Amino acid sequence: QVQLVESGGGLVQPGGSLRLSCAASGIIFSIRAMGWYRQAPGKERELVARIISDDTTNYADSVKGRFTISRDDAKNTVYLQMNRLKVEDTAVYYCNVGTEYYGHYWGQGTQVTVSS
């Protein structure tokens, strides 16, 4: 069975950096896109960044120029490099993998807290 295991969250001061990782155990067929979502208390889950099979990327306006999504196919891992973090970035971050025929897979979520 496929599982997505997230790591890299934690507490960081404003202006700091974190790198989130999402490693897939098992084989995922027909991947269409990989992405990172986040959900803050009292708010709906939102798309932060996405990378599709042709390496096209999309970012939420609030993180453009600060966050970078990438993947390592050999390690079955997708990353989110987060720089110049703001208090508003505080949320639980979820990894997502969408497939052509087999639906979506979700990570368990990792907490990112930006505070001084």
Protein backbone atom coordinates (compact mmCIF):
# COMPACT_ATOMS: atom_id res chain seq x y z
CA GLN A 1 0.00 0.00 0.00
CA VAL A 2 1.15 3.54 -0.75
CA GLN A 3 1.93 5.90 2.11
CA LEU A 4 3.26 9.46 2.07
CA VAL A 5 5.50 10.32 5.02
CA GLU A 6 6.16 14.01 5.68
CA SER A 7 9.00 15.56 7.66
CA GLY A 8 10.83 18.85 8.13
CA GLY A 9 8.27 20.96 9.97
CA GLY A 10 8.98 22.81 13.18
CA LEU A 11 9.30 26.19 14.87
CA VAL A 12 11.19 28.96 13.08
CA GLN A 13 11.56 32.72 13.50
CA PRO A 14 10.22 35.15 10.89
CA GLY A 15 12.67 35.40 8.01
CA GLY A 16 13.96 31.88 8.58
CA SER A 17 13.83 28.81 6.35
CA LEU A 18 12.52 25.26 6.44
CA ARG A 19 12.61 22.39 3.97
CA LEU A 20 9.69 19.97 3.93
CA SER A 21 10.05 16.46 2.54
CA CYS A 22 7.41 13.96 1.46
CA ALA A 23 8.63 10.43 0.81
CA ALA A 24 6.43 7.81 -0.83
CA SER A 25 6.60 4.20 0.29
CA GLY A 26 5.31 1.77 -2.30
CA ILE A 27 4.82 2.32 -6.01
CA ILE A 28 2.57 5.07 -7.34
CA PHE A 29 1.44 4.64 -10.92
CA SER A 30 0.42 7.31 -13.45
CA ILE A 31 1.35 10.36 -11.39
CA ARG A 32 -0.32 13.50 -12.74
CA ALA A 33 0.86 16.05 -10.20
CA MET A 34 2.45 16.48 -6.80
CA GLY A 35 1.63 19.35 -4.51
CA TRP A 36 1.72 20.90 -1.08
CA TYR A 37 -1.38 22.22 0.68
CA ARG A 38 -1.71 23.99 4.01
CA GLN A 39 -4.46 24.66 6.51
CA ALA A 40 -4.37 27.26 9.26
CA PRO A 41 -6.80 27.31 12.22
CA GLY A 42 -10.19 28.65 11.15
CA LYS A 43 -9.29 28.64 7.46
CA GLU A 44 -9.90 26.27 4.56
CA ARG A 45 -7.15 24.13 3.12
CA GLU A 46 -5.37 25.90 0.25
CA LEU A 47 -2.94 24.93 -2.48
CA VAL A 48 0.56 26.25 -1.80
CA ALA A 49 2.59 24.77 -4.67
CA ARG A 50 2.21 22.14 -7.37
CA ILE A 51 4.48 20.44 -9.89
CA ILE A 52 3.08 18.39 -12.78
CA SER A 53 4.59 15.68 -14.95
CA ASP A 54 6.15 18.09 -17.49
CA ASP A 55 7.83 20.02 -14.61
CA THR A 56 5.46 22.98 -14.87
CA THR A 57 5.01 24.57 -11.45
CA ASN A 58 2.30 26.69 -9.87
CA TYR A 59 2.46 28.72 -6.68
CA ALA A 60 0.00 30.60 -4.55
CA ASP A 61 0.52 34.35 -4.93
CA SER A 62 1.34 34.62 -1.24
CA VAL A 63 4.43 32.39 -1.55
CA LYS A 64 5.79 33.27 -5.01
CA GLY A 65 9.46 34.16 -4.84
CA ARG A 66 9.83 32.58 -1.39
CA PHE A 67 8.88 28.89 -1.80
CA THR A 68 10.24 26.35 -4.30
CA ILE A 69 8.77 22.92 -5.04
CA SER A 70 10.94 20.15 -6.45
CA ARG A 71 11.07 16.38 -6.71
CA ASP A 72 13.59 13.55 -6.82
CA ASP A 73 12.13 10.68 -8.82
CA ALA A 74 14.93 8.29 -7.84
CA LYS A 75 14.04 8.75 -4.16
CA ASN A 76 10.26 9.02 -4.69
CA THR A 77 10.33 12.28 -2.77
CA VAL A 78 8.88 15.76 -3.25
CA TYR A 79 10.25 18.80 -1.41
CA LEU A 80 9.11 22.27 -0.47
CA GLN A 81 11.89 24.77 0.25
CA MET A 82 10.46 27.67 2.26
CA ASN A 83 12.52 30.85 2.62
CA ARG A 84 11.84 34.22 4.24
CA LEU A 85 9.04 32.70 6.26
CA LYS A 86 6.28 34.92 7.64
CA VAL A 87 3.95 34.54 10.60
CA GLU A 88 1.12 34.11 8.08
CA ASP A 89 2.77 30.90 6.84
CA THR A 90 1.94 29.14 10.11
CA ALA A 91 -0.21 26.10 9.27
CA VAL A 92 -0.28 22.35 8.95
CA TYR A 93 1.26 21.42 5.61
CA TYR A 94 0.03 18.38 3.67
CA CYS A 95 1.67 16.57 0.79
CA ASN A 96 -0.59 15.41 -2.04
CA VAL A 97 -0.05 13.15 -5.05
CA GLY A 98 -2.69 12.99 -7.78
CA THR A 99 -2.82 10.13 -10.27
CA GLU A 100 -4.48 9.69 -13.65
CA TYR A 101 -6.66 6.73 -12.66
CA TYR A 102 -6.23 5.93 -8.97
CA GLY A 103 -7.28 9.06 -7.13
CA HIS A 104 -5.24 11.04 -4.63
CA TYR A 105 -2.85 10.22 -1.80
CA TRP A 106 -2.33 12.48 1.23
CA GLY A 107 0.42 12.79 3.79
CA GLN A 108 -0.35 12.95 7.49
CA GLY A 109 0.52 16.64 7.77
CA THR A 110 3.44 18.44 9.41
CA GLN A 111 3.18 21.54 11.60
CA VAL A 112 5.01 24.71 10.58
CA THR A 113 5.01 27.49 13.17
CA VAL A 114 6.58 30.87 12.43
CA SER A 115 6.95 32.96 15.57
CA SER A 116 9.46 35.11 17.40
